[in-house]
Amino acid sequence: DYVEQCASHESKGVVAPAHLPYGHPSLKNYPEHNGFTLWLVEDFDQPIDLDNDPIWTWSDGGLKEGQVRFAKEQISFKGGKMQIRVQKNTGRQQPCSHAQTEIVPRKPLVSGELRTRYNMFRYGRYEVRMRAPHVQF
């Protein structure tokens, strides 16, 4: 339902701006954790425009050793939830990617990857409410 990221107060002496948290928060009260400042919250109450959002974007890459190619179409937002689908890759796949420099070989599966634009949030405390799928291909 939501994603939040907290950065440690001790990390690099960063002072939190007054307009935190970033993202699209809708709740008025979020959990607090000693030694951490809440920087990013996403409640997914509204669909996110992954091409134009100032924080969120998508990836069209895939790990070299992995079996999944990422595609924006595999990410959707509905009813306060983000859904990332994985399915067999039956379509044509371009070997190039905007997310990585090397050629991405064809992958047997396609799914989605939600990313922060410019990899803005890479470390800290993350809390996520999610349900992992129970599927086998």
Protein backbone atom coordinates (compact mmCIF):
# COMPACT_ATOMS: atom_id res chain seq x y z
CA ASP A 1 0.00 0.00 0.00
CA TYR A 2 2.78 2.44 0.77
CA VAL A 3 6.50 2.81 0.54
CA GLU A 4 8.52 4.95 2.90
CA GLN A 5 12.21 5.60 3.19
CA CYS A 6 14.00 7.10 6.16
CA ALA A 7 17.58 8.29 6.17
CA SER A 8 19.68 8.15 9.30
CA HIS A 9 20.36 11.51 10.99
CA GLU A 10 23.99 10.51 11.17
CA SER A 11 24.33 9.94 7.41
CA LYS A 12 26.64 12.55 5.93
CA GLY A 13 25.39 15.34 8.21
CA VAL A 14 22.38 16.03 5.96
CA VAL A 15 19.82 18.45 7.37
CA ALA A 16 16.24 17.67 6.38
CA PRO A 17 14.40 20.39 4.44
CA ALA A 18 11.21 21.78 6.02
CA HIS A 19 8.97 20.36 3.25
CA LEU A 20 9.59 16.68 3.98
CA PRO A 21 8.52 14.06 3.21
CA TYR A 22 8.97 13.93 -0.56
CA GLY A 23 6.65 11.82 -2.68
CA HIS A 24 2.86 11.83 -2.56
CA PRO A 25 1.98 11.39 1.12
CA SER A 26 -1.67 11.28 2.13
CA LEU A 27 -1.60 10.12 5.76
CA LYS A 28 -1.05 12.73 8.42
CA ASN A 29 0.83 10.44 10.79
CA TYR A 30 3.57 8.03 9.79
CA PRO A 31 5.63 5.76 12.05
CA GLU A 32 8.60 7.44 13.69
CA HIS A 33 11.94 5.74 14.30
CA ASN A 34 14.66 7.10 16.60
CA GLY A 35 17.66 8.37 14.67
CA PHE A 36 15.82 8.57 11.33
CA THR A 37 14.10 11.35 9.40
CA LEU A 38 11.26 10.47 7.03
CA TRP A 39 12.34 11.64 3.54
CA LEU A 40 10.08 9.81 1.09
CA VAL A 41 6.51 8.50 1.31
CA GLU A 42 4.32 7.03 -1.39
CA ASP A 43 0.77 5.98 -0.58
CA PHE A 44 -0.26 5.30 -4.22
CA ASP A 45 -3.61 7.05 -3.72
CA GLN A 46 -3.46 8.40 -7.28
CA PRO A 47 -1.86 6.89 -10.39
CA ILE A 48 1.71 8.13 -10.90
CA ASP A 49 2.83 9.45 -14.28
CA LEU A 50 6.12 7.54 -14.44
CA ASP A 51 7.32 9.58 -17.42
CA ASN A 52 6.90 12.99 -15.77
CA ASP A 53 6.89 12.51 -11.99
CA PRO A 54 9.74 14.41 -10.29
CA ILE A 55 10.64 11.42 -8.07
CA TRP A 56 9.41 8.15 -9.58
CA THR A 57 10.26 6.57 -12.91
CA TRP A 58 10.53 3.12 -14.47
CA SER A 59 13.31 0.98 -15.88
CA ASP A 60 13.53 -0.74 -19.25
CA GLY A 61 16.62 -2.76 -18.34
CA GLY A 62 17.20 -6.14 -16.82
CA LEU A 63 20.01 -7.84 -14.95
CA LYS A 64 22.53 -9.50 -17.22
CA GLU A 65 22.29 -12.74 -15.26
CA GLY A 66 18.55 -12.43 -14.59
CA GLN A 67 15.54 -13.83 -16.42
CA VAL A 68 13.38 -10.68 -16.41
CA ARG A 69 13.25 -7.67 -18.74
CA PHE A 70 11.61 -4.58 -17.26
CA ALA A 71 8.83 -2.67 -19.04
CA LYS A 72 6.74 0.33 -17.98
CA GLU A 73 3.52 -1.41 -19.08
CA GLN A 74 3.96 -3.99 -16.31
CA ILE A 75 3.40 -1.32 -13.61
CA SER A 76 -0.10 -0.05 -12.79
CA PHE A 77 -1.81 1.89 -10.00
CA LYS A 78 -5.36 1.25 -8.81
CA GLY A 79 -7.26 1.57 -5.54
CA GLY A 80 -4.32 2.91 -3.52
CA LYS A 81 -2.02 0.11 -4.63
CA MET A 82 0.78 -0.32 -7.10
CA GLN A 83 0.74 -3.56 -9.04
CA ILE A 84 3.84 -4.98 -10.72
CA ARG A 85 3.00 -7.89 -12.99
CA VAL A 86 5.35 -10.62 -14.19
CA GLN A 87 4.50 -12.77 -17.17
CA LYS A 88 6.09 -14.76 -19.97
CA ASN A 89 7.79 -12.52 -22.51
CA THR A 90 5.94 -13.25 -25.74
CA GLY A 91 6.64 -9.92 -27.46
CA ARG A 92 9.52 -8.44 -29.37
CA GLN A 93 12.25 -7.00 -27.16
CA GLN A 94 14.71 -4.28 -28.11
CA PRO A 95 18.31 -5.12 -27.20
CA CYS A 96 19.05 -1.53 -26.11
CA SER A 97 18.00 0.07 -22.84
CA HIS A 98 17.82 3.59 -21.41
CA ALA A 99 18.62 2.16 -17.97
CA GLN A 100 21.96 0.56 -18.75
CA THR A 101 24.79 0.84 -21.23
CA GLU A 102 25.27 -2.77 -22.31
CA ILE A 103 22.99 -4.73 -24.63
CA VAL A 104 20.18 -6.53 -22.77
CA PRO A 105 19.71 -10.04 -24.17
CA ARG A 106 16.20 -11.41 -24.66
CA LYS A 107 14.67 -12.53 -21.37
CA PRO A 108 11.98 -15.22 -20.90
CA LEU A 109 9.96 -13.03 -18.48
CA VAL A 110 8.81 -9.42 -18.46
CA SER A 111 7.97 -7.40 -15.33
CA GLY A 112 8.24 -3.85 -14.02
CA GLU A 113 10.76 -1.96 -11.93
CA LEU A 114 9.76 1.20 -10.05
CA ARG A 115 12.78 3.44 -9.47
CA THR A 116 13.49 6.85 -8.09
CA ARG A 117 14.60 9.25 -10.77
CA TYR A 118 18.39 9.69 -10.71
CA ASN A 119 18.60 6.99 -7.98
CA MET A 120 17.90 9.68 -5.38
CA PHE A 121 17.13 7.29 -2.51
CA ARG A 122 19.57 4.40 -2.26
CA TYR A 123 20.20 3.71 1.42
CA GLY A 124 18.41 3.96 4.73
CA ARG A 125 15.46 2.32 6.41
CA TYR A 126 12.69 1.14 4.09
CA GLU A 127 9.21 0.00 5.11
CA VAL A 128 6.92 -1.57 2.55
CA ARG A 129 3.53 -3.23 2.79
CA MET A 130 3.35 -5.76 0.00
CA ARG A 131 2.03 -9.11 -1.03
CA ALA A 132 4.42 -11.31 -2.97
CA PRO A 133 2.87 -13.40 -5.75
CA HIS A 134 2.58 -17.16 -5.49
CA VAL A 135 3.29 -18.19 -9.07
CA GLN A 136 5.57 -20.51 -10.96
CA PHE A 137 6.45 -20.33 -14.64
